[in-house]
Structures are given as C-alpha cells and as structure tokens.
C-alpha cells in the first residue's frame, strides 16, 4: 500500500508541475508549435484548382486531342479549348 501512495504522490507532483506552467508554457511557445512538415511551398499556386472534371471518350478522340495539343499537357489544352469555346459563346449572346 505504501508503494501505491508513493506512486500517487509522484504522479501528483508531475501533474502539479504541468499545471504550474512548465508544460503549459512549452505548449504556448513558438518552438513547440513549429514542426518540420510545412508542405511543399513551391507547389502552392495563386489559384487552387480543386474541382475535377471526368469524362469518357473513345481512344480515337483522345488521340486527336493529344495530337492537337502539340506536346502540351492534355489537361492544359482541354482547359484552354473549353475556356475559349465558352468565351466565344458568351460573346455571341
């Protein structure tokens, strides 16, 4: 029973030290809040593209689009083509 009391006393001291500010102060410090995983800041963009467009097509259609893109990424080419078509349509209205 005496060992349990010693253990309880030790735990009370640990908790008391945390409550008195040693642990609480560390949590408030800037060093404690900093971590090494800040993400890839080089990958950050001004405009975040978070919407996804998925479509199905025939292999021949895709081949035509890849050839029309002339080495450009297909996603970029499709985006440009769709934006140009939308702009032309809105100009006609």
PDB file of N, CA and C in Angstrom:
ATOM      1  N   UNK A   1       0.827  -1.195   0.000  1.00  0.00           N
ATOM      2  CA  UNK A   1       0.000   0.000   0.000  1.00  0.00           C
ATOM      3  C   UNK A   1       0.870   1.256   0.000  1.00  0.00           C
ATOM      4  N   UNK A   2       1.998   1.165   0.674  1.00  0.00           N
ATOM      5  CA  UNK A   2       2.903   2.291   0.739  1.00  0.00           C
ATOM      6  C   UNK A   2       3.447   2.634  -0.644  1.00  0.00           C
ATOM      7  N   UNK A   3       3.716   1.632  -1.474  1.00  0.00           N
ATOM      8  CA  UNK A   3       4.224   1.880  -2.821  1.00  0.00           C
ATOM      9  C   UNK A   3       3.188   2.617  -3.672  1.00  0.00           C
ATOM     10  N   UNK A   4       1.921   2.252  -3.533  1.00  0.00           N
ATOM     11  CA  UNK A   4       0.863   2.948  -4.256  1.00  0.00           C
ATOM     12  C   UNK A   4       0.799   4.414  -3.856  1.00  0.00           C
ATOM     13  N   UNK A   5       1.003   4.679  -2.583  1.00  0.00           N
ATOM     14  CA  UNK A   5       0.979   6.061  -2.108  1.00  0.00           C
ATOM     15  C   UNK A   5       2.151   6.845  -2.670  1.00  0.00           C
ATOM     16  N   UNK A   6       3.323   6.214  -2.740  1.00  0.00           N
ATOM     17  CA  UNK A   6       4.489   6.886  -3.317  1.00  0.00           C
ATOM     18  C   UNK A   6       4.261   7.189  -4.801  1.00  0.00           C
ATOM     19  N   UNK A   7       3.661   6.216  -5.487  1.00  0.00           N
ATOM     20  CA  UNK A   7       3.359   6.410  -6.901  1.00  0.00           C
ATOM     21  C   UNK A   7       2.364   7.553  -7.084  1.00  0.00           C
ATOM     22  N   UNK A   8       1.322   7.544  -6.273  1.00  0.00           N
ATOM     23  CA  UNK A   8       0.319   8.612  -6.363  1.00  0.00           C
ATOM     24  C   UNK A   8       0.934   9.971  -6.076  1.00  0.00           C
ATOM     25  N   UNK A   9       1.824  10.026  -5.086  1.00  0.00           N
ATOM     26  CA  UNK A   9       2.494  11.278  -4.749  1.00  0.00           C
ATOM     27  C   UNK A   9       3.359  11.757  -5.911  1.00  0.00           C
ATOM     28  N   UNK A  10       4.078  10.830  -6.537  1.00  0.00           N
ATOM     29  CA  UNK A  10       4.926  11.190  -7.678  1.00  0.00           C
ATOM     30  C   UNK A  10       4.071  11.709  -8.836  1.00  0.00           C
ATOM     31  N   UNK A  11       2.952  11.044  -9.109  1.00  0.00           N
ATOM     32  CA  UNK A  11       2.072  11.481 -10.193  1.00  0.00           C
ATOM     33  C   UNK A  11       1.475  12.852  -9.891  1.00  0.00           C
ATOM     34  N   UNK A  12       1.140  13.102  -8.646  1.00  0.00           N
ATOM     35  CA  UNK A  12       0.610  14.415  -8.273  1.00  0.00           C
ATOM     36  C   UNK A  12       1.644  15.498  -8.510  1.00  0.00           C
ATOM     37  N   UNK A  13       2.908  15.198  -8.226  1.00  0.00           N
ATOM     38  CA  UNK A  13       3.978  16.177  -8.460  1.00  0.00           C
ATOM     39  C   UNK A  13       4.128  16.456  -9.954  1.00  0.00           C
ATOM     40  N   UNK A  14       4.057  15.386 -10.759  1.00  0.00           N
ATOM     41  CA  UNK A  14       4.184  15.575 -12.212  1.00  0.00           C
ATOM     42  C   UNK A  14       3.053  16.450 -12.723  1.00  0.00           C
ATOM     43  N   UNK A  15       1.821  16.138 -12.323  1.00  0.00           N
ATOM     44  CA  UNK A  15       0.680  16.925 -12.764  1.00  0.00           C
ATOM     45  C   UNK A  15       0.745  18.353 -12.228  1.00  0.00           C
ATOM     46  N   UNK A  16       1.227  18.503 -11.011  1.00  0.00           N
ATOM     47  CA  UNK A  16       1.330  19.839 -10.421  1.00  0.00           C
ATOM     48  C   UNK A  16       2.333  20.679 -11.191  1.00  0.00           C
ATOM     49  N   UNK A  17       3.455  20.088 -11.597  1.00  0.00           N
ATOM     50  CA  UNK A  17       4.449  20.834 -12.375  1.00  0.00           C
ATOM     51  C   UNK A  17       3.865  21.284 -13.709  1.00  0.00           C
ATOM     52  N   UNK A  18       3.081  20.398 -14.322  1.00  0.00           N
ATOM     53  CA  UNK A  18       2.438  20.770 -15.575  1.00  0.00           C
ATOM     54  C   UNK A  18       1.439  21.886 -15.369  1.00  0.00           C
ATOM     55  N   UNK A  19       0.687  21.822 -14.308  1.00  0.00           N
ATOM     56  CA  UNK A  19      -0.318  22.840 -14.021  1.00  0.00           C
ATOM     57  C   UNK A  19       0.314  24.151 -13.602  1.00  0.00           C
ATOM     58  N   UNK A  20       1.518  24.093 -13.027  1.00  0.00           N
ATOM     59  CA  UNK A  20       2.179  25.315 -12.577  1.00  0.00           C
ATOM     60  C   UNK A  20       2.839  26.076 -13.714  1.00  0.00           C
ATOM     61  N   UNK A  21       2.849  25.520 -14.889  1.00  0.00           N
ATOM     62  CA  UNK A  21       3.346  26.317 -16.001  1.00  0.00           C
ATOM     63  C   UNK A  21       4.454  25.686 -16.804  1.00  0.00           C
ATOM     64  N   UNK A  22       5.176  24.709 -16.305  1.00  0.00           N
ATOM     65  CA  UNK A  22       6.272  24.179 -17.105  1.00  0.00           C
ATOM     66  C   UNK A  22       5.771  23.569 -18.399  1.00  0.00           C
ATOM     67  N   UNK A  23       4.801  22.703 -18.323  1.00  0.00           N
ATOM     68  CA  UNK A  23       4.253  22.088 -19.524  1.00  0.00           C
ATOM     69  C   UNK A  23       3.390  23.083 -20.290  1.00  0.00           C
ATOM     70  N   UNK A  24       2.606  23.861 -19.567  1.00  0.00           N
ATOM     71  CA  UNK A  24       1.726  24.835 -20.219  1.00  0.00           C
ATOM     72  C   UNK A  24       2.542  25.881 -20.970  1.00  0.00           C
ATOM     73  N   UNK A  25       3.643  26.325 -20.411  1.00  0.00           N
ATOM     74  CA  UNK A  25       4.479  27.318 -21.078  1.00  0.00           C
ATOM     75  C   UNK A  25       5.105  26.743 -22.343  1.00  0.00           C
ATOM     76  N   UNK A  26       5.519  25.483 -22.307  1.00  0.00           N
ATOM     77  CA  UNK A  26       6.081  24.876 -23.503  1.00  0.00           C
ATOM     78  C   UNK A  26       5.042  24.820 -24.610  1.00  0.00           C
ATOM     79  N   UNK A  27       3.811  24.531 -24.264  1.00  0.00           N
ATOM     80  CA  UNK A  27       2.764  24.451 -25.276  1.00  0.00           C
ATOM     81  C   UNK A  27       2.509  25.811 -25.905  1.00  0.00           C
ATOM     82  N   UNK A  28       2.700  26.865 -25.162  1.00  0.00           N
ATOM     83  CA  UNK A  28       2.459  28.202 -25.681  1.00  0.00           C
ATOM     84  C   UNK A  28       3.629  28.721 -26.511  1.00  0.00           C
ATOM     85  N   UNK A  29       4.802  28.154 -26.338  1.00  0.00           N
ATOM     86  CA  UNK A  29       5.976  28.693 -27.021  1.00  0.00           C
ATOM     87  C   UNK A  29       5.911  28.406 -28.515  1.00  0.00           C
ATOM     88  N   UNK A  30       6.521  29.284 -29.295  1.00  0.00           N
ATOM     89  CA  UNK A  30       6.545  29.120 -30.740  1.00  0.00           C
ATOM     90  C   UNK A  30       7.329  27.886 -31.154  1.00  0.00           C
ATOM     91  N   UNK A  31       8.387  27.570 -30.424  1.00  0.00           N
ATOM     92  CA  UNK A  31       9.199  26.411 -30.768  1.00  0.00           C
ATOM     93  C   UNK A  31       8.391  25.134 -30.688  1.00  0.00           C
ATOM     94  N   UNK A  32       7.508  25.054 -29.743  1.00  0.00           N
ATOM     95  CA  UNK A  32       6.710  23.844 -29.563  1.00  0.00           C
ATOM     96  C   UNK A  32       5.703  23.694 -30.696  1.00  0.00           C
ATOM     97  N   UNK A  33       5.172  24.812 -31.207  1.00  0.00           N
ATOM     98  CA  UNK A  33       4.159  24.751 -32.244  1.00  0.00           C
ATOM     99  C   UNK A  33       4.742  24.512 -33.635  1.00  0.00           C
ATOM    100  N   UNK A  34       6.012  24.813 -33.840  1.00  0.00           N
ATOM    101  CA  UNK A  34       6.647  24.605 -35.136  1.00  0.00           C
ATOM    102  C   UNK A  34       6.890  23.129 -35.364  1.00  0.00           C
ATOM    103  N   UNK A  35       6.708  22.702 -36.564  1.00  0.00           N
ATOM    104  CA  UNK A  35       7.021  21.329 -36.914  1.00  0.00           C
ATOM    105  C   UNK A  35       7.706  21.335 -38.274  1.00  0.00           C
ATOM    106  N   UNK A  36       8.328  20.254 -38.610  1.00  0.00           N
ATOM    107  CA  UNK A  36       9.087  20.194 -39.853  1.00  0.00           C
ATOM    108  C   UNK A  36       8.243  19.982 -41.091  1.00  0.00           C
ATOM    109  N   UNK A  37       7.007  19.579 -40.944  1.00  0.00           N
ATOM    110  CA  UNK A  37       6.167  19.275 -42.092  1.00  0.00           C
ATOM    111  C   UNK A  37       5.351  20.507 -42.468  1.00  0.00           C
ATOM    112  N   UNK A  38       5.934  21.384 -43.256  1.00  0.00           N
ATOM    113  CA  UNK A  38       5.246  22.607 -43.652  1.00  0.00           C
ATOM    114  C   UNK A  38       4.653  22.495 -45.050  1.00  0.00           C
ATOM    115  N   UNK A  39       4.824  21.354 -45.690  1.00  0.00           N
ATOM    116  CA  UNK A  39       4.291  21.167 -47.033  1.00  0.00           C
ATOM    117  C   UNK A  39       5.240  21.713 -48.072  1.00  0.00           C
ATOM    118  N   UNK A  40       4.910  21.497 -49.306  1.00  0.00           N
ATOM    119  CA  UNK A  40       5.740  21.956 -50.410  1.00  0.00           C
ATOM    120  C   UNK A  40       5.300  23.357 -50.798  1.00  0.00           C
ATOM    121  N   UNK A  41       6.010  24.357 -50.313  1.00  0.00           N
ATOM    122  CA  UNK A  41       5.633  25.736 -50.612  1.00  0.00           C
ATOM    123  C   UNK A  41       5.878  26.074 -52.071  1.00  0.00           C
ATOM    124  N   UNK A  42       6.771  25.328 -52.747  1.00  0.00           N
ATOM    125  CA  UNK A  42       6.998  25.562 -54.174  1.00  0.00           C
ATOM    126  C   UNK A  42       5.806  25.126 -55.005  1.00  0.00           C
ATOM    127  N   UNK A  43       4.996  24.235 -54.476  1.00  0.00           N
ATOM    128  CA  UNK A  43       3.835  23.743 -55.213  1.00  0.00           C
ATOM    129  C   UNK A  43       2.608  24.626 -55.020  1.00  0.00           C
ATOM    130  N   UNK A  44       2.671  25.606 -54.125  1.00  0.00           N
ATOM    131  CA  UNK A  44       1.500  26.452 -53.885  1.00  0.00           C
ATOM    132  C   UNK A  44       1.252  27.348 -55.092  1.00  0.00           C
ATOM    133  N   UNK A  45      -0.006  27.543 -55.409  1.00  0.00           N
ATOM    134  CA  UNK A  45      -0.412  28.330 -56.576  1.00  0.00           C
ATOM    135  C   UNK A  45      -1.282  29.499 -56.124  1.00  0.00           C
ATOM    136  N   UNK A  46      -1.357  30.521 -56.982  1.00  0.00           N
ATOM    137  CA  UNK A  46      -2.226  31.659 -56.683  1.00  0.00           C
ATOM    138  C   UNK A  46      -3.687  31.227 -56.699  1.00  0.00           C
ATOM    139  N   UNK A  47      -4.051  30.412 -57.684  1.00  0.00           N
ATOM    140  CA  UNK A  47      -5.412  29.906 -57.805  1.00  0.00           C
ATOM    141  C   UNK A  47      -5.358  28.399 -57.606  1.00  0.00           C
ATOM    142  N   UNK A  48      -6.053  27.921 -56.598  1.00  0.00           N
ATOM    143  CA  UNK A  48      -6.072  26.490 -56.322  1.00  0.00           C
ATOM    144  C   UNK A  48      -7.156  25.837 -57.157  1.00  0.00           C
ATOM    145  N   UNK A  49      -6.766  24.842 -57.928  1.00  0.00           N
ATOM    146  CA  UNK A  49      -7.722  24.107 -58.755  1.00  0.00           C
ATOM    147  C   UNK A  49      -8.185  22.892 -57.976  1.00  0.00           C
ATOM    148  N   UNK A  50      -9.378  22.986 -57.412  1.00  0.00           N
ATOM    149  CA  UNK A  50      -9.869  21.920 -56.550  1.00  0.00           C
ATOM    150  C   UNK A  50     -11.042  21.149 -57.159  1.00  0.00           C
ATOM    151  N   UNK A  51     -11.591  21.618 -58.271  1.00  0.00           N
ATOM    152  CA  UNK A  51     -12.678  20.900 -58.930  1.00  0.00           C
ATOM    153  C   UNK A  51     -12.099  19.917 -59.940  1.00  0.00           C
ATOM    154  N   UNK A  52     -12.825  18.808 -60.137  1.00  0.00           N
ATOM    155  CA  UNK A  52     -12.362  17.761 -61.041  1.00  0.00           C
ATOM    156  C   UNK A  52     -13.409  17.529 -62.109  1.00  0.00           C
ATOM    157  N   UNK A  53     -12.971  17.409 -63.340  1.00  0.00           N
ATOM    158  CA  UNK A  53     -13.837  17.104 -64.463  1.00  0.00           C
ATOM    159  C   UNK A  53     -13.402  15.744 -65.003  1.00  0.00           C
ATOM    160  N   UNK A  54     -14.323  14.792 -65.010  1.00  0.00           N
ATOM    161  CA  UNK A  54     -14.020  13.461 -65.514  1.00  0.00           C
ATOM    162  C   UNK A  54     -14.955  13.167 -66.674  1.00  0.00           C
ATOM    163  N   UNK A  55     -14.403  12.625 -67.743  1.00  0.00           N
ATOM    164  CA  UNK A  55     -15.230  12.287 -68.894  1.00  0.00           C
ATOM    165  C   UNK A  55     -14.699  11.037 -69.563  1.00  0.00           C
ATOM    166  N   UNK A  56     -15.560  10.394 -70.320  1.00  0.00           N
ATOM    167  CA  UNK A  56     -15.167   9.212 -71.079  1.00  0.00           C
ATOM    168  C   UNK A  56     -15.162   9.585 -72.555  1.00  0.00           C
ATOM    169  N   UNK A  57     -14.221   9.013 -73.290  1.00  0.00           N
ATOM    170  CA  UNK A  57     -14.136   9.267 -74.721  1.00  0.00           C
ATOM    171  C   UNK A  57     -13.584   8.018 -75.398  1.00  0.00           C
ATOM    172  N   UNK A  58     -13.631   8.022 -76.703  1.00  0.00           N
ATOM    173  CA  UNK A  58     -13.061   6.897 -77.445  1.00  0.00           C
ATOM    174  C   UNK A  58     -11.560   7.098 -77.566  1.00  0.00           C
ATOM    175  N   UNK A  59     -10.825   6.023 -77.774  1.00  0.00           N
ATOM    176  CA  UNK A  59      -9.376   6.179 -77.957  1.00  0.00           C
ATOM    177  C   UNK A  59      -9.023   7.066 -79.153  1.00  0.00           C
ATOM    178  N   UNK A  60      -9.831   7.024 -80.206  1.00  0.00           N
ATOM    179  CA  UNK A  60      -9.527   7.863 -81.369  1.00  0.00           C
ATOM    180  C   UNK A  60      -9.742   9.344 -81.055  1.00  0.00           C
ATOM    181  N   UNK A  61     -10.783   9.657 -80.275  1.00  0.00           N
ATOM    182  CA  UNK A  61     -10.994  11.057 -79.874  1.00  0.00           C
ATOM    183  C   UNK A  61      -9.811  11.553 -79.054  1.00  0.00           C
ATOM    184  N   UNK A  62      -9.401  10.742 -78.086  1.00  0.00           N
ATOM    185  CA  UNK A  62      -8.278  11.153 -77.240  1.00  0.00           C
ATOM    186  C   UNK A  62      -7.017  11.337 -78.072  1.00  0.00           C
ATOM    187  N   UNK A  63      -6.791  10.461 -79.022  1.00  0.00           N
ATOM    188  CA  UNK A  63      -5.609  10.577 -79.881  1.00  0.00           C
ATOM    189  C   UNK A  63      -5.639  11.885 -80.673  1.00  0.00           C
ATOM    190  N   UNK A  64      -6.825  12.259 -81.166  1.00  0.00           N
ATOM    191  CA  UNK A  64      -6.964  13.531 -81.892  1.00  0.00           C
ATOM    192  C   UNK A  64      -6.606  14.706 -80.985  1.00  0.00           C
ATOM    193  N   UNK A  65      -7.089  14.660 -79.744  1.00  0.00           N
ATOM    194  CA  UNK A  65      -6.837  15.761 -78.810  1.00  0.00           C
ATOM    195  C   UNK A  65      -5.368  15.829 -78.422  1.00  0.00           C
ATOM    196  N   UNK A  66      -4.752  14.686 -78.227  1.00  0.00           N
ATOM    197  CA  UNK A  66      -3.326  14.665 -77.876  1.00  0.00           C
ATOM    198  C   UNK A  66      -2.514  15.248 -79.024  1.00  0.00           C
ATOM    199  N   UNK A  67      -2.854  14.871 -80.260  1.00  0.00           N
ATOM    200  CA  UNK A  67      -2.153  15.428 -81.424  1.00  0.00           C
ATOM    201  C   UNK A  67      -2.388  16.930 -81.555  1.00  0.00           C
ATOM    202  N   UNK A  68      -3.605  17.367 -81.279  1.00  0.00           N
ATOM    203  CA  UNK A  68      -3.922  18.799 -81.364  1.00  0.00           C
ATOM    204  C   UNK A  68      -3.198  19.598 -80.283  1.00  0.00           C
ATOM    205  N   UNK A  69      -2.923  18.963 -79.150  1.00  0.00           N
ATOM    206  CA  UNK A  69      -2.249  19.660 -78.047  1.00  0.00           C
ATOM    207  C   UNK A  69      -0.791  19.963 -78.380  1.00  0.00           C
ATOM    208  N   UNK A  70      -0.214  19.254 -79.345  1.00  0.00           N
ATOM    209  CA  UNK A  70       1.154  19.500 -79.817  1.00  0.00           C
ATOM    210  C   UNK A  70       2.162  19.581 -78.682  1.00  0.00           C
ATOM    211  N   UNK A  71       2.217  18.527 -77.886  1.00  0.00           N
ATOM    212  CA  UNK A  71       3.213  18.454 -76.817  1.00  0.00           C
ATOM    213  C   UNK A  71       2.787  19.101 -75.504  1.00  0.00           C
ATOM    214  N   UNK A  72       1.730  19.863 -75.538  1.00  0.00           N
ATOM    215  CA  UNK A  72       1.218  20.498 -74.317  1.00  0.00           C
ATOM    216  C   UNK A  72       0.500  19.435 -73.485  1.00  0.00           C
ATOM    217  N   UNK A  73       0.488  19.593 -72.178  1.00  0.00           N
ATOM    218  CA  UNK A  73      -0.269  18.667 -71.330  1.00  0.00           C
ATOM    219  C   UNK A  73      -1.725  18.692 -71.766  1.00  0.00           C
ATOM    220  N   UNK A  74      -2.323  17.512 -71.832  1.00  0.00           N
ATOM    221  CA  UNK A  74      -3.701  17.415 -72.312  1.00  0.00           C
ATOM    222  C   UNK A  74      -4.667  18.199 -71.425  1.00  0.00           C
ATOM    223  N   UNK A  75      -4.460  18.161 -70.116  1.00  0.00           N
ATOM    224  CA  UNK A  75      -5.344  18.901 -69.201  1.00  0.00           C
ATOM    225  C   UNK A  75      -5.294  20.397 -69.497  1.00  0.00           C
ATOM    226  N   UNK A  76      -4.110  20.915 -69.751  1.00  0.00           N
ATOM    227  CA  UNK A  76      -3.984  22.345 -70.038  1.00  0.00           C
ATOM    228  C   UNK A  76      -4.632  22.673 -71.383  1.00  0.00           C
ATOM    229  N   UNK A  77      -4.426  21.808 -72.362  1.00  0.00           N
ATOM    230  CA  UNK A  77      -5.014  22.035 -73.684  1.00  0.00           C
ATOM    231  C   UNK A  77      -6.537  22.003 -73.619  1.00  0.00           C
ATOM    232  N   UNK A  78      -7.085  21.021 -72.910  1.00  0.00           N
ATOM    233  CA  UNK A  78      -8.534  20.905 -72.777  1.00  0.00           C
ATOM    234  C   UNK A  78      -9.098  22.118 -72.045  1.00  0.00           C
ATOM    235  N   UNK A  79      -8.428  22.553 -70.993  1.00  0.00           N
ATOM    236  CA  UNK A  79      -8.877  23.734 -70.243  1.00  0.00           C
ATOM    237  C   UNK A  79      -8.916  24.961 -71.151  1.00  0.00           C
ATOM    238  N   UNK A  80      -7.855  25.153 -71.923  1.00  0.00           N
ATOM    239  CA  UNK A  80      -7.800  26.296 -72.837  1.00  0.00           C
ATOM    240  C   UNK A  80      -8.899  26.200 -73.891  1.00  0.00           C
ATOM    241  N   UNK A  81      -9.082  25.013 -74.460  1.00  0.00           N
ATOM    242  CA  UNK A  81     -10.102  24.828 -75.500  1.00  0.00           C
ATOM    243  C   UNK A  81     -11.502  25.094 -74.950  1.00  0.00           C
ATOM    244  N   UNK A  82     -11.780  24.583 -73.772  1.00  0.00           N
ATOM    245  CA  UNK A  82     -13.102  24.803 -73.178  1.00  0.00           C
ATOM    246  C   UNK A  82     -13.320  26.266 -72.805  1.00  0.00           C
ATOM    247  N   UNK A  83     -12.312  26.905 -72.250  1.00  0.00           N
ATOM    248  CA  UNK A  83     -12.444  28.325 -71.902  1.00  0.00           C
ATOM    249  C   UNK A  83     -12.636  29.184 -73.149  1.00  0.00           C
ATOM    250  N   UNK A  84     -11.891  28.869 -74.231  1.00  0.00           N
ATOM    251  CA  UNK A  84     -12.060  29.617 -75.484  1.00  0.00           C
ATOM    252  C   UNK A  84     -13.469  29.439 -76.047  1.00  0.00           C
ATOM    253  N   UNK A  85     -13.982  28.205 -76.025  1.00  0.00           N
ATOM    254  CA  UNK A  85     -15.328  27.938 -76.532  1.00  0.00           C
ATOM    255  C   UNK A  85     -16.379  28.657 -75.686  1.00  0.00           C
ATOM    256  N   UNK A  86     -16.203  28.659 -74.384  1.00  0.00           N
ATOM    257  CA  UNK A  86     -17.154  29.347 -73.502  1.00  0.00           C
ATOM    258  C   UNK A  86     -17.114  30.852 -73.736  1.00  0.00           C
ATOM    259  N   UNK A  87     -15.931  31.386 -73.952  1.00  0.00           N
ATOM    260  CA  UNK A  87     -15.793  32.833 -74.208  1.00  0.00           C
ATOM    261  C   UNK A  87     -16.466  33.212 -75.520  1.00  0.00           C
ATOM    262  N   UNK A  88     -16.262  32.414 -76.564  1.00  0.00           N
ATOM    263  CA  UNK A  88     -16.891  32.700 -77.865  1.00  0.00           C
ATOM    264  C   UNK A  88     -18.410  32.661 -77.748  1.00  0.00           C
ATOM    265  N   UNK A  89     -18.923  31.697 -77.011  1.00  0.00           N
ATOM    266  CA  UNK A  89     -20.371  31.575 -76.852  1.00  0.00           C
ATOM    267  C   UNK A  89     -20.942  32.756 -76.077  1.00  0.00           C
ATOM    268  N   UNK A  90     -20.232  33.195 -75.032  1.00  0.00           N
ATOM    269  CA  UNK A  90     -20.738  34.337 -74.236  1.00  0.00           C
ATOM    270  C   UNK A  90     -20.636  35.641 -75.037  1.00  0.00           C
ATOM    271  N   UNK A  91     -19.679  35.739 -75.940  1.00  0.00           N
ATOM    272  CA  UNK A  91     -19.575  36.951 -76.792  1.00  0.00           C
ATOM    273  C   UNK A  91     -20.720  37.019 -77.783  1.00  0.00           C
ATOM    274  N   UNK A  92     -21.231  35.846 -78.225  1.00  0.00           N
ATOM    275  CA  UNK A  92     -22.349  35.828 -79.160  1.00  0.00           C
ATOM    276  C   UNK A  92     -23.663  36.189 -78.504  1.00  0.00           C
ATOM    277  N   UNK A  93     -23.754  36.014 -77.211  1.00  0.00           N
ATOM    278  CA  UNK A  93     -25.020  36.284 -76.501  1.00  0.00           C
ATOM    279  C   UNK A  93     -25.181  37.718 -76.158  1.00  0.00           C
TER     280      UNK A  93
END
